[in-house]
Amino acid sequence: MRDLKVKQLGELKVLILPDDLALLPVDQLSYEIRENKLILDSQSAAIRHDRELIEKRFTDFAHDDWWIKMR
C-alpha cells in the first residue's frame, strides 16, 4: 500500500495523488468511507480516458492513419 499526502491550501485540504493514476484536474472521483478507510473510485475518469482513446482511433481511421500504424 502506498501513501498519499494531504496539504492545506487556504481553508481547503488537498489530497496529492500520483501521476500514474492519469487523472486530469477536471476529473471527479467518487469516494466512500468504510471503517476508517477512504475508498476512491476513479471509474468516471477511466471512462473519460477510454472515450478519448476511441475518438482518437475514429479520427485516425477517418484520415487513413490506421493503416500506417498497423505496419
C-alpha atoms as a PDB file:
ATOM      1  CA  MET A   1       0.000   0.000   0.000  1.00  0.00           C
ATOM      2  CA  ARG A   2       1.313   3.433  -0.925  1.00  0.00           C
ATOM      3  CA  ASP A   3       0.802   6.666   0.997  1.00  0.00           C
ATOM      4  CA  LEU A   4      -0.921   9.835  -0.211  1.00  0.00           C
ATOM      5  CA  LYS A   5      -0.163  13.335   1.081  1.00  0.00           C
ATOM      6  CA  VAL A   6      -2.682  15.841   2.401  1.00  0.00           C
ATOM      7  CA  LYS A   7      -1.823  19.552   2.137  1.00  0.00           C
ATOM      8  CA  GLN A   8      -3.551  22.670   3.428  1.00  0.00           C
ATOM      9  CA  LEU A   9      -4.467  25.188   0.721  1.00  0.00           C
ATOM     10  CA  GLY A  10      -6.207  28.126   2.369  1.00  0.00           C
ATOM     11  CA  GLU A  11      -9.302  26.664   4.001  1.00  0.00           C
ATOM     12  CA  LEU A  12      -9.175  23.514   1.847  1.00  0.00           C
ATOM     13  CA  LYS A  13      -7.489  20.175   2.462  1.00  0.00           C
ATOM     14  CA  VAL A  14      -5.913  18.902  -0.758  1.00  0.00           C
ATOM     15  CA  LEU A  15      -5.081  15.263  -1.452  1.00  0.00           C
ATOM     16  CA  ILE A  16      -1.945  14.777  -3.552  1.00  0.00           C
ATOM     17  CA  LEU A  17      -2.390  11.865  -5.984  1.00  0.00           C
ATOM     18  CA  PRO A  18       0.352  10.160  -8.020  1.00  0.00           C
ATOM     19  CA  ASP A  19       0.703  10.805 -11.763  1.00  0.00           C
ATOM     20  CA  ASP A  20       0.348   7.126 -12.622  1.00  0.00           C
ATOM     21  CA  LEU A  21      -3.416   7.448 -11.984  1.00  0.00           C
ATOM     22  CA  ALA A  22      -3.598   9.511 -15.210  1.00  0.00           C
ATOM     23  CA  LEU A  23      -6.108  11.958 -13.724  1.00  0.00           C
ATOM     24  CA  LEU A  24      -6.782  15.423 -15.075  1.00  0.00           C
ATOM     25  CA  PRO A  25      -7.647  18.479 -12.956  1.00  0.00           C
ATOM     26  CA  VAL A  26     -11.211  18.313 -14.325  1.00  0.00           C
ATOM     27  CA  ASP A  27     -11.770  14.673 -13.280  1.00  0.00           C
ATOM     28  CA  GLN A  28     -14.114  13.911 -10.427  1.00  0.00           C
ATOM     29  CA  LEU A  29     -13.633  10.945  -8.131  1.00  0.00           C
ATOM     30  CA  SER A  30     -16.322   9.276  -6.093  1.00  0.00           C
ATOM     31  CA  TYR A  31     -15.412   8.256  -2.569  1.00  0.00           C
ATOM     32  CA  GLU A  32     -16.742   6.183   0.270  1.00  0.00           C
ATOM     33  CA  ILE A  33     -15.644   5.840   3.879  1.00  0.00           C
ATOM     34  CA  ARG A  34     -15.789   2.365   5.399  1.00  0.00           C
ATOM     35  CA  GLU A  35     -14.343   1.518   8.804  1.00  0.00           C
ATOM     36  CA  ASN A  36     -11.721   4.302   8.748  1.00  0.00           C
ATOM     37  CA  LYS A  37     -10.810   3.547   5.136  1.00  0.00           C
ATOM     38  CA  LEU A  38     -11.200   6.090   2.365  1.00  0.00           C
ATOM     39  CA  ILE A  39     -12.086   4.330  -0.890  1.00  0.00           C
ATOM     40  CA  LEU A  40     -11.589   6.392  -4.070  1.00  0.00           C
ATOM     41  CA  ASP A  41     -13.397   5.390  -7.247  1.00  0.00           C
ATOM     42  CA  SER A  42     -11.842   6.638 -10.482  1.00  0.00           C
ATOM     43  CA  GLN A  43     -14.285   4.866 -12.809  1.00  0.00           C
ATOM     44  CA  SER A  44     -15.612   8.109 -14.323  1.00  0.00           C
ATOM     45  CA  ALA A  45     -12.040   9.243 -15.068  1.00  0.00           C
ATOM     46  CA  ALA A  46     -11.282   5.868 -16.668  1.00  0.00           C
ATOM     47  CA  ILE A  47     -14.382   6.177 -18.861  1.00  0.00           C
ATOM     48  CA  ARG A  48     -13.256   9.653 -19.979  1.00  0.00           C
ATOM     49  CA  HIS A  49      -9.800   8.296 -20.829  1.00  0.00           C
ATOM     50  CA  ASP A  50     -11.256   5.355 -22.795  1.00  0.00           C
ATOM     51  CA  ARG A  51     -13.615   7.675 -24.674  1.00  0.00           C
ATOM     52  CA  GLU A  52     -10.676   9.890 -25.698  1.00  0.00           C
ATOM     53  CA  LEU A  53      -8.763   6.852 -27.000  1.00  0.00           C
ATOM     54  CA  ILE A  54     -11.766   5.638 -29.000  1.00  0.00           C
ATOM     55  CA  GLU A  55     -12.389   9.088 -30.505  1.00  0.00           C
ATOM     56  CA  LYS A  56      -8.715   9.341 -31.475  1.00  0.00           C
ATOM     57  CA  ARG A  57      -8.906   5.961 -33.237  1.00  0.00           C
ATOM     58  CA  PHE A  58     -12.000   7.077 -35.173  1.00  0.00           C
ATOM     59  CA  THR A  59     -10.132  10.208 -36.237  1.00  0.00           C
ATOM     60  CA  ASP A  60      -7.143   8.091 -37.321  1.00  0.00           C
ATOM     61  CA  PHE A  61      -9.464   5.793 -39.280  1.00  0.00           C
ATOM     62  CA  ALA A  62     -11.182   8.719 -40.982  1.00  0.00           C
ATOM     63  CA  HIS A  63      -7.792  10.004 -42.161  1.00  0.00           C
ATOM     64  CA  ASP A  64      -6.480   6.530 -43.148  1.00  0.00           C
ATOM     65  CA  ASP A  65      -3.760   6.803 -40.484  1.00  0.00           C
ATOM     66  CA  TRP A  66      -4.754   3.421 -39.054  1.00  0.00           C
ATOM     67  CA  TRP A  67      -3.083   1.552 -41.929  1.00  0.00           C
ATOM     68  CA  ILE A  68       0.258   3.200 -41.247  1.00  0.00           C
ATOM     69  CA  LYS A  69       0.056   2.370 -37.522  1.00  0.00           C
ATOM     70  CA  MET A  70      -0.764  -1.296 -38.240  1.00  0.00           C
ATOM     71  CA  ARG A  71       2.531  -1.894 -40.081  1.00  0.00           C
END
